Amino acid sequence: MEKKKLKVERVQTGVRMEKRLLKVLKALAEYHDLTLGDLLEGIVLHAFEGKPPFRKENLKLIAELKRIYKLDLDASASHRMVEE
């Protein structure tokens, strides 16, 4: 049974993000045939409910993408990043 579609209003945003993190997110979105915006919306909606946004299979893929793009940051870096 297909769930009812929800009409929303989307806006364009110009957020700044760590380069390697963005590369991993874009690759993950591409892998799942999603837009980057759709992926980010899903992650945030899960986080707002305290639910994990990814299953085990996706976490393995993310680990591989992090390796490929040399992303060595984890959650502890979130409030410590500064630009050069």
PDB file of N, CA and C in Angstrom:
ATOM      1  N   MET A   1       0.845  -1.188   0.000  1.00  0.00           N
ATOM      2  CA  MET A   1       0.000   0.000   0.000  1.00  0.00           C
ATOM      3  C   MET A   1       0.889   1.250   0.000  1.00  0.00           C
ATOM      4  N   GLU A   2       0.661   2.132  -0.936  1.00  0.00           N
ATOM      5  CA  GLU A   2       1.466   3.342  -1.052  1.00  0.00           C
ATOM      6  C   GLU A   2       0.966   4.392  -0.068  1.00  0.00           C
ATOM      7  N   LYS A   3       1.908   5.032   0.614  1.00  0.00           N
ATOM      8  CA  LYS A   3       1.535   6.085   1.562  1.00  0.00           C
ATOM      9  C   LYS A   3       1.151   7.346   0.806  1.00  0.00           C
ATOM     10  N   LYS A   4       0.260   8.126   1.411  1.00  0.00           N
ATOM     11  CA  LYS A   4      -0.222   9.374   0.828  1.00  0.00           C
ATOM     12  C   LYS A   4       0.928  10.357   0.670  1.00  0.00           C
ATOM     13  N   LYS A   5       1.016  10.997  -0.482  1.00  0.00           N
ATOM     14  CA  LYS A   5       2.035  12.010  -0.752  1.00  0.00           C
ATOM     15  C   LYS A   5       1.723  13.264   0.055  1.00  0.00           C
ATOM     16  N   LEU A   6       2.753  13.921   0.548  1.00  0.00           N
ATOM     17  CA  LEU A   6       2.586  15.146   1.322  1.00  0.00           C
ATOM     18  C   LEU A   6       3.087  16.329   0.508  1.00  0.00           C
ATOM     19  N   LYS A   7       2.250  17.325   0.370  1.00  0.00           N
ATOM     20  CA  LYS A   7       2.661  18.532  -0.351  1.00  0.00           C
ATOM     21  C   LYS A   7       3.406  19.438   0.615  1.00  0.00           C
ATOM     22  N   VAL A   8       4.581  19.878   0.193  1.00  0.00           N
ATOM     23  CA  VAL A   8       5.407  20.763   1.007  1.00  0.00           C
ATOM     24  C   VAL A   8       5.912  21.906   0.145  1.00  0.00           C
ATOM     25  N   GLU A   9       6.387  22.948   0.788  1.00  0.00           N
ATOM     26  CA  GLU A   9       7.035  24.051   0.074  1.00  0.00           C
ATOM     27  C   GLU A   9       8.516  23.973   0.370  1.00  0.00           C
ATOM     28  N   ARG A  10       9.321  23.818  -0.649  1.00  0.00           N
ATOM     29  CA  ARG A  10      10.769  23.762  -0.483  1.00  0.00           C
ATOM     30  C   ARG A  10      11.372  25.103  -0.882  1.00  0.00           C
ATOM     31  N   VAL A  11      12.464  25.462  -0.213  1.00  0.00           N
ATOM     32  CA  VAL A  11      13.166  26.700  -0.523  1.00  0.00           C
ATOM     33  C   VAL A  11      14.626  26.379  -0.807  1.00  0.00           C
ATOM     34  N   GLN A  12      15.234  27.203  -1.640  1.00  0.00           N
ATOM     35  CA  GLN A  12      16.652  27.061  -1.954  1.00  0.00           C
ATOM     36  C   GLN A  12      17.462  27.615  -0.790  1.00  0.00           C
ATOM     37  N   THR A  13      18.537  26.919  -0.434  1.00  0.00           N
ATOM     38  CA  THR A  13      19.373  27.383   0.663  1.00  0.00           C
ATOM     39  C   THR A  13      20.837  27.320   0.256  1.00  0.00           C
ATOM     40  N   GLY A  14      21.624  28.157   0.852  1.00  0.00           N
ATOM     41  CA  GLY A  14      23.050  28.174   0.537  1.00  0.00           C
ATOM     42  C   GLY A  14      23.858  27.852   1.779  1.00  0.00           C
ATOM     43  N   VAL A  15      23.812  26.617   2.218  1.00  0.00           N
ATOM     44  CA  VAL A  15      24.550  26.240   3.426  1.00  0.00           C
ATOM     45  C   VAL A  15      25.999  25.921   3.080  1.00  0.00           C
ATOM     46  N   ARG A  16      26.890  26.170   4.040  1.00  0.00           N
ATOM     47  CA  ARG A  16      28.304  25.826   3.883  1.00  0.00           C
ATOM     48  C   ARG A  16      28.554  24.563   4.681  1.00  0.00           C
ATOM     49  N   MET A  17      29.368  23.678   4.122  1.00  0.00           N
ATOM     50  CA  MET A  17      29.601  22.388   4.747  1.00  0.00           C
ATOM     51  C   MET A  17      31.021  21.928   4.446  1.00  0.00           C
ATOM     52  N   GLU A  18      31.573  21.139   5.323  1.00  0.00           N
ATOM     53  CA  GLU A  18      32.912  20.599   5.123  1.00  0.00           C
ATOM     54  C   GLU A  18      32.946  19.818   3.818  1.00  0.00           C
ATOM     55  N   LYS A  19      33.974  20.055   3.017  1.00  0.00           N
ATOM     56  CA  LYS A  19      34.046  19.557   1.646  1.00  0.00           C
ATOM     57  C   LYS A  19      33.940  18.040   1.547  1.00  0.00           C
ATOM     58  N   ARG A  20      34.701  17.305   2.355  1.00  0.00           N
ATOM     59  CA  ARG A  20      34.683  15.839   2.266  1.00  0.00           C
ATOM     60  C   ARG A  20      33.355  15.267   2.746  1.00  0.00           C
ATOM     61  N   LEU A  21      32.767  15.911   3.753  1.00  0.00           N
ATOM     62  CA  LEU A  21      31.458  15.487   4.251  1.00  0.00           C
ATOM     63  C   LEU A  21      30.411  15.630   3.146  1.00  0.00           C
ATOM     64  N   LEU A  22      30.474  16.734   2.430  1.00  0.00           N
ATOM     65  CA  LEU A  22      29.542  16.959   1.325  1.00  0.00           C
ATOM     66  C   LEU A  22      29.720  15.907   0.231  1.00  0.00           C
ATOM     67  N   LYS A  23      30.972  15.559  -0.071  1.00  0.00           N
ATOM     68  CA  LYS A  23      31.226  14.540  -1.086  1.00  0.00           C
ATOM     69  C   LYS A  23      30.601  13.210  -0.699  1.00  0.00           C
ATOM     70  N   VAL A  24      30.739  12.824   0.566  1.00  0.00           N
ATOM     71  CA  VAL A  24      30.146  11.567   1.037  1.00  0.00           C
ATOM     72  C   VAL A  24      28.625  11.630   0.936  1.00  0.00           C
ATOM     73  N   LEU A  25      28.033  12.738   1.358  1.00  0.00           N
ATOM     74  CA  LEU A  25      26.576  12.881   1.288  1.00  0.00           C
ATOM     75  C   LEU A  25      26.069  12.828  -0.147  1.00  0.00           C
ATOM     76  N   LYS A  26      26.763  13.508  -1.058  1.00  0.00           N
ATOM     77  CA  LYS A  26      26.347  13.505  -2.465  1.00  0.00           C
ATOM     78  C   LYS A  26      26.455  12.106  -3.061  1.00  0.00           C
ATOM     79  N   ALA A  27      27.518  11.379  -2.717  1.00  0.00           N
ATOM     80  CA  ALA A  27      27.677  10.013  -3.223  1.00  0.00           C
ATOM     81  C   ALA A  27      26.597   9.107  -2.660  1.00  0.00           C
ATOM     82  N   LEU A  28      26.260   9.281  -1.396  1.00  0.00           N
ATOM     83  CA  LEU A  28      25.210   8.474  -0.770  1.00  0.00           C
ATOM     84  C   LEU A  28      23.851   8.769  -1.416  1.00  0.00           C
ATOM     85  N   ALA A  29      23.574  10.030  -1.659  1.00  0.00           N
ATOM     86  CA  ALA A  29      22.324  10.411  -2.326  1.00  0.00           C
ATOM     87  C   ALA A  29      22.265   9.800  -3.720  1.00  0.00           C
ATOM     88  N   GLU A  30      23.363   9.889  -4.457  1.00  0.00           N
ATOM     89  CA  GLU A  30      23.424   9.321  -5.808  1.00  0.00           C
ATOM     90  C   GLU A  30      23.194   7.812  -5.767  1.00  0.00           C
ATOM     91  N   TYR A  31      23.814   7.137  -4.815  1.00  0.00           N
ATOM     92  CA  TYR A  31      23.668   5.693  -4.681  1.00  0.00           C
ATOM     93  C   TYR A  31      22.196   5.311  -4.500  1.00  0.00           C
ATOM     94  N   HIS A  32      21.464   6.105  -3.740  1.00  0.00           N
ATOM     95  CA  HIS A  32      20.049   5.815  -3.469  1.00  0.00           C
ATOM     96  C   HIS A  32      19.106   6.514  -4.443  1.00  0.00           C
ATOM     97  N   ASP A  33      19.659   7.140  -5.485  1.00  0.00           N
ATOM     98  CA  ASP A  33      18.866   7.834  -6.493  1.00  0.00           C
ATOM     99  C   ASP A  33      17.970   8.901  -5.860  1.00  0.00           C
ATOM    100  N   LEU A  34      18.579   9.672  -4.962  1.00  0.00           N
ATOM    101  CA  LEU A  34      17.892  10.769  -4.287  1.00  0.00           C
ATOM    102  C   LEU A  34      18.613  12.068  -4.603  1.00  0.00           C
ATOM    103  N   THR A  35      17.913  13.175  -4.414  1.00  0.00           N
ATOM    104  CA  THR A  35      18.610  14.454  -4.445  1.00  0.00           C
ATOM    105  C   THR A  35      19.296  14.628  -3.107  1.00  0.00           C
ATOM    106  N   LEU A  36      20.293  15.489  -3.070  1.00  0.00           N
ATOM    107  CA  LEU A  36      20.961  15.779  -1.806  1.00  0.00           C
ATOM    108  C   LEU A  36      19.957  16.344  -0.807  1.00  0.00           C
ATOM    109  N   GLY A  37      19.072  17.205  -1.269  1.00  0.00           N
ATOM    110  CA  GLY A  37      18.044  17.776  -0.388  1.00  0.00           C
ATOM    111  C   GLY A  37      17.148  16.719   0.221  1.00  0.00           C
ATOM    112  N   ASP A  38      16.704  15.746  -0.597  1.00  0.00           N
ATOM    113  CA  ASP A  38      15.854  14.666  -0.083  1.00  0.00           C
ATOM    114  C   ASP A  38      16.593  13.854   0.978  1.00  0.00           C
ATOM    115  N   LEU A  39      17.866  13.564   0.729  1.00  0.00           N
ATOM    116  CA  LEU A  39      18.654  12.812   1.701  1.00  0.00           C
ATOM    117  C   LEU A  39      18.767  13.584   3.006  1.00  0.00           C
ATOM    118  N   LEU A  40      19.104  14.863   2.925  1.00  0.00           N
ATOM    119  CA  LEU A  40      19.249  15.678   4.135  1.00  0.00           C
ATOM    120  C   LEU A  40      17.932  15.811   4.891  1.00  0.00           C
ATOM    121  N   GLU A  41      16.830  15.968   4.166  1.00  0.00           N
ATOM    122  CA  GLU A  41      15.517  16.032   4.823  1.00  0.00           C
ATOM    123  C   GLU A  41      15.252  14.756   5.613  1.00  0.00           C
ATOM    124  N   GLY A  42      15.552  13.618   4.999  1.00  0.00           N
ATOM    125  CA  GLY A  42      15.332  12.346   5.684  1.00  0.00           C
ATOM    126  C   GLY A  42      16.193  12.197   6.922  1.00  0.00           C
ATOM    127  N   ILE A  43      17.458  12.591   6.823  1.00  0.00           N
ATOM    128  CA  ILE A  43      18.367  12.507   7.977  1.00  0.00           C
ATOM    129  C   ILE A  43      17.855  13.377   9.118  1.00  0.00           C
ATOM    130  N   VAL A  44      17.473  14.600   8.792  1.00  0.00           N
ATOM    131  CA  VAL A  44      17.014  15.538   9.823  1.00  0.00           C
ATOM    132  C   VAL A  44      15.700  15.076  10.447  1.00  0.00           C
ATOM    133  N   LEU A  45      14.753  14.612   9.636  1.00  0.00           N
ATOM    134  CA  LEU A  45      13.479  14.149  10.191  1.00  0.00           C
ATOM    135  C   LEU A  45      13.691  12.964  11.137  1.00  0.00           C
ATOM    136  N   HIS A  46      14.577  12.062  10.784  1.00  0.00           N
ATOM    137  CA  HIS A  46      14.898  10.951  11.688  1.00  0.00           C
ATOM    138  C   HIS A  46      15.539  11.478  12.976  1.00  0.00           C
ATOM    139  N   ALA A  47      16.497  12.390  12.840  1.00  0.00           N
ATOM    140  CA  ALA A  47      17.193  12.935  14.011  1.00  0.00           C
ATOM    141  C   ALA A  47      16.220  13.657  14.944  1.00  0.00           C
ATOM    142  N   PHE A  48      15.267  14.386  14.387  1.00  0.00           N
ATOM    143  CA  PHE A  48      14.294  15.108  15.203  1.00  0.00           C
ATOM    144  C   PHE A  48      13.458  14.155  16.061  1.00  0.00           C
ATOM    145  N   GLU A  49      13.298  12.917  15.621  1.00  0.00           N
ATOM    146  CA  GLU A  49      12.539  11.925  16.382  1.00  0.00           C
ATOM    147  C   GLU A  49      13.443  11.008  17.204  1.00  0.00           C
ATOM    148  N   GLY A  50      14.755  11.282  17.169  1.00  0.00           N
ATOM    149  CA  GLY A  50      15.692  10.450  17.912  1.00  0.00           C
ATOM    150  C   GLY A  50      15.868   9.070  17.308  1.00  0.00           C
ATOM    151  N   LYS A  51      15.580   8.948  16.011  1.00  0.00           N
ATOM    152  CA  LYS A  51      15.697   7.667  15.315  1.00  0.00           C
ATOM    153  C   LYS A  51      16.969   7.660  14.472  1.00  0.00           C
ATOM    154  N   PRO A  52      17.633   6.522  14.378  1.00  0.00           N
ATOM    155  CA  PRO A  52      18.811   6.458  13.507  1.00  0.00           C
ATOM    156  C   PRO A  52      18.378   6.560  12.044  1.00  0.00           C
ATOM    157  N   PRO A  53      19.059   7.386  11.243  1.00  0.00           N
ATOM    158  CA  PRO A  53      18.642   7.574   9.854  1.00  0.00           C
ATOM    159  C   PRO A  53      19.118   6.471   8.911  1.00  0.00           C
ATOM    160  N   PHE A  54      20.058   5.614   9.373  1.00  0.00           N
ATOM    161  CA  PHE A  54      20.635   4.626   8.470  1.00  0.00           C
ATOM    162  C   PHE A  54      20.596   3.223   9.057  1.00  0.00           C
ATOM    163  N   ARG A  55      20.365   2.248   8.173  1.00  0.00           N
ATOM    164  CA  ARG A  55      20.441   0.837   8.546  1.00  0.00           C
ATOM    165  C   ARG A  55      21.891   0.377   8.458  1.00  0.00           C
ATOM    166  N   LYS A  56      22.142  -0.849   8.931  1.00  0.00           N
ATOM    167  CA  LYS A  56      23.500  -1.402   8.934  1.00  0.00           C
ATOM    168  C   LYS A  56      24.148  -1.383   7.557  1.00  0.00           C
ATOM    169  N   GLU A  57      23.371  -1.761   6.521  1.00  0.00           N
ATOM    170  CA  GLU A  57      23.928  -1.812   5.163  1.00  0.00           C
ATOM    171  C   GLU A  57      24.406  -0.424   4.727  1.00  0.00           C
ATOM    172  N   ASN A  58      23.608   0.600   5.071  1.00  0.00           N
ATOM    173  CA  ASN A  58      23.984   1.962   4.706  1.00  0.00           C
ATOM    174  C   ASN A  58      25.200   2.432   5.478  1.00  0.00           C
ATOM    175  N   LEU A  59      25.316   2.012   6.732  1.00  0.00           N
ATOM    176  CA  LEU A  59      26.478   2.402   7.524  1.00  0.00           C
ATOM    177  C   LEU A  59      27.756   1.810   6.945  1.00  0.00           C
ATOM    178  N   LYS A  60      27.665   0.602   6.407  1.00  0.00           N
ATOM    179  CA  LYS A  60      28.827  -0.001   5.749  1.00  0.00           C
ATOM    180  C   LYS A  60      29.197   0.794   4.501  1.00  0.00           C
ATOM    181  N   LEU A  61      28.198   1.188   3.732  1.00  0.00           N
ATOM    182  CA  LEU A  61      28.435   1.997   2.537  1.00  0.00           C
ATOM    183  C   LEU A  61      29.047   3.345   2.920  1.00  0.00           C
ATOM    184  N   ILE A  62      28.513   3.960   3.954  1.00  0.00           N
ATOM    185  CA  ILE A  62      29.030   5.252   4.410  1.00  0.00           C
ATOM    186  C   ILE A  62      30.488   5.116   4.841  1.00  0.00           C
ATOM    187  N   ALA A  63      30.814   4.048   5.551  1.00  0.00           N
ATOM    188  CA  ALA A  63      32.206   3.825   5.965  1.00  0.00           C
ATOM    189  C   ALA A  63      33.117   3.723   4.746  1.00  0.00           C
ATOM    190  N   GLU A  64      32.664   3.058   3.713  1.00  0.00           N
ATOM    191  CA  GLU A  64      33.455   2.928   2.494  1.00  0.00           C
ATOM    192  C   GLU A  64      33.590   4.281   1.786  1.00  0.00           C
ATOM    193  N   LEU A  65      32.520   5.039   1.712  1.00  0.00           N
ATOM    194  CA  LEU A  65      32.580   6.363   1.095  1.00  0.00           C
ATOM    195  C   LEU A  65      33.494   7.301   1.890  1.00  0.00           C
ATOM    196  N   LYS A  66      33.442   7.202   3.216  1.00  0.00           N
ATOM    197  CA  LYS A  66      34.340   8.011   4.044  1.00  0.00           C
ATOM    198  C   LYS A  66      35.795   7.656   3.751  1.00  0.00           C
ATOM    199  N   ARG A  67      36.068   6.380   3.559  1.00  0.00           N
ATOM    200  CA  ARG A  67      37.429   5.954   3.239  1.00  0.00           C
ATOM    201  C   ARG A  67      37.850   6.524   1.883  1.00  0.00           C
ATOM    202  N   ILE A  68      36.971   6.394   0.903  1.00  0.00           N
ATOM    203  CA  ILE A  68      37.268   6.870  -0.452  1.00  0.00           C
ATOM    204  C   ILE A  68      37.560   8.370  -0.457  1.00  0.00           C
ATOM    205  N   TYR A  69      36.751   9.145   0.261  1.00  0.00           N
ATOM    206  CA  TYR A  69      36.899  10.595   0.262  1.00  0.00           C
ATOM    207  C   TYR A  69      37.755  11.112   1.424  1.00  0.00           C
ATOM    208  N   LYS A  70      38.413  10.185   2.124  1.00  0.00           N
ATOM    209  CA  LYS A  70      39.338  10.537   3.208  1.00  0.00           C
ATOM    210  C   LYS A  70      38.683  11.403   4.281  1.00  0.00           C
ATOM    211  N   LEU A  71      37.439  11.079   4.601  1.00  0.00           N
ATOM    212  CA  LEU A  71      36.716  11.793   5.648  1.00  0.00           C
ATOM    213  C   LEU A  71      37.008  11.112   6.984  1.00  0.00           C
ATOM    214  N   ASP A  72      37.803  11.772   7.811  1.00  0.00           N
ATOM    215  CA  ASP A  72      38.205  11.196   9.085  1.00  0.00           C
ATOM    216  C   ASP A  72      37.507  11.859  10.269  1.00  0.00           C
ATOM    217  N   LEU A  73      36.455  12.606  10.010  1.00  0.00           N
ATOM    218  CA  LEU A  73      35.706  13.281  11.073  1.00  0.00           C
ATOM    219  C   LEU A  73      34.616  12.365  11.623  1.00  0.00           C
ATOM    220  N   ASP A  74      34.305  12.543  12.901  1.00  0.00           N
ATOM    221  CA  ASP A  74      33.172  11.841  13.504  1.00  0.00           C
ATOM    222  C   ASP A  74      32.334  12.866  14.259  1.00  0.00           C
ATOM    223  N   ALA A  75      31.319  12.406  14.976  1.00  0.00           N
ATOM    224  CA  ALA A  75      30.393  13.318  15.650  1.00  0.00           C
ATOM    225  C   ALA A  75      31.100  14.241  16.637  1.00  0.00           C
ATOM    226  N   SER A  76      32.197  13.796  17.216  1.00  0.00           N
ATOM    227  CA  SER A  76      32.901  14.636  18.199  1.00  0.00           C
ATOM    228  C   SER A  76      33.507  15.882  17.545  1.00  0.00           C
ATOM    229  N   ALA A  77      33.633  15.904  16.240  1.00  0.00           N
ATOM    230  CA  ALA A  77      34.196  17.059  15.538  1.00  0.00           C
ATOM    231  C   ALA A  77      33.165  18.159  15.285  1.00  0.00           C
ATOM    232  N   SER A  78      31.895  17.870  15.507  1.00  0.00           N
ATOM    233  CA  SER A  78      30.835  18.774  15.055  1.00  0.00           C
ATOM    234  C   SER A  78      30.923  20.186  15.612  1.00  0.00           C
ATOM    235  N   HIS A  79      31.431  20.370  16.802  1.00  0.00           N
ATOM    236  CA  HIS A  79      31.502  21.718  17.382  1.00  0.00           C
ATOM    237  C   HIS A  79      32.938  22.227  17.476  1.00  0.00           C
ATOM    238  N   ARG A  80      33.869  21.546  16.799  1.00  0.00           N
ATOM    239  CA  ARG A  80      35.273  21.937  16.886  1.00  0.00           C
ATOM    240  C   ARG A  80      35.854  22.378  15.550  1.00  0.00           C
ATOM    241  N   MET A  81      35.087  22.283  14.490  1.00  0.00           N
ATOM    242  CA  MET A  81      35.618  22.604  13.161  1.00  0.00           C
ATOM    243  C   MET A  81      35.737  24.107  12.972  1.00  0.00           C
ATOM    244  N   VAL A  82      36.892  24.526  12.441  1.00  0.00           N
ATOM    245  CA  VAL A  82      37.127  25.919  12.090  1.00  0.00           C
ATOM    246  C   VAL A  82      37.753  25.945  10.704  1.00  0.00           C
ATOM    247  N   GLU A  83      37.530  27.038  10.005  1.00  0.00           N
ATOM    248  CA  GLU A  83      38.103  27.175   8.660  1.00  0.00           C
ATOM    249  C   GLU A  83      39.489  27.781   8.751  1.00  0.00           C
ATOM    250  N   GLU A  84      40.349  27.409   7.809  1.00  0.00           N
ATOM    251  CA  GLU A  84      41.697  27.969   7.766  1.00  0.00           C
ATOM    252  C   GLU A  84      41.675  29.371   7.221  1.00  0.00           C
TER     253      GLU A  84
END
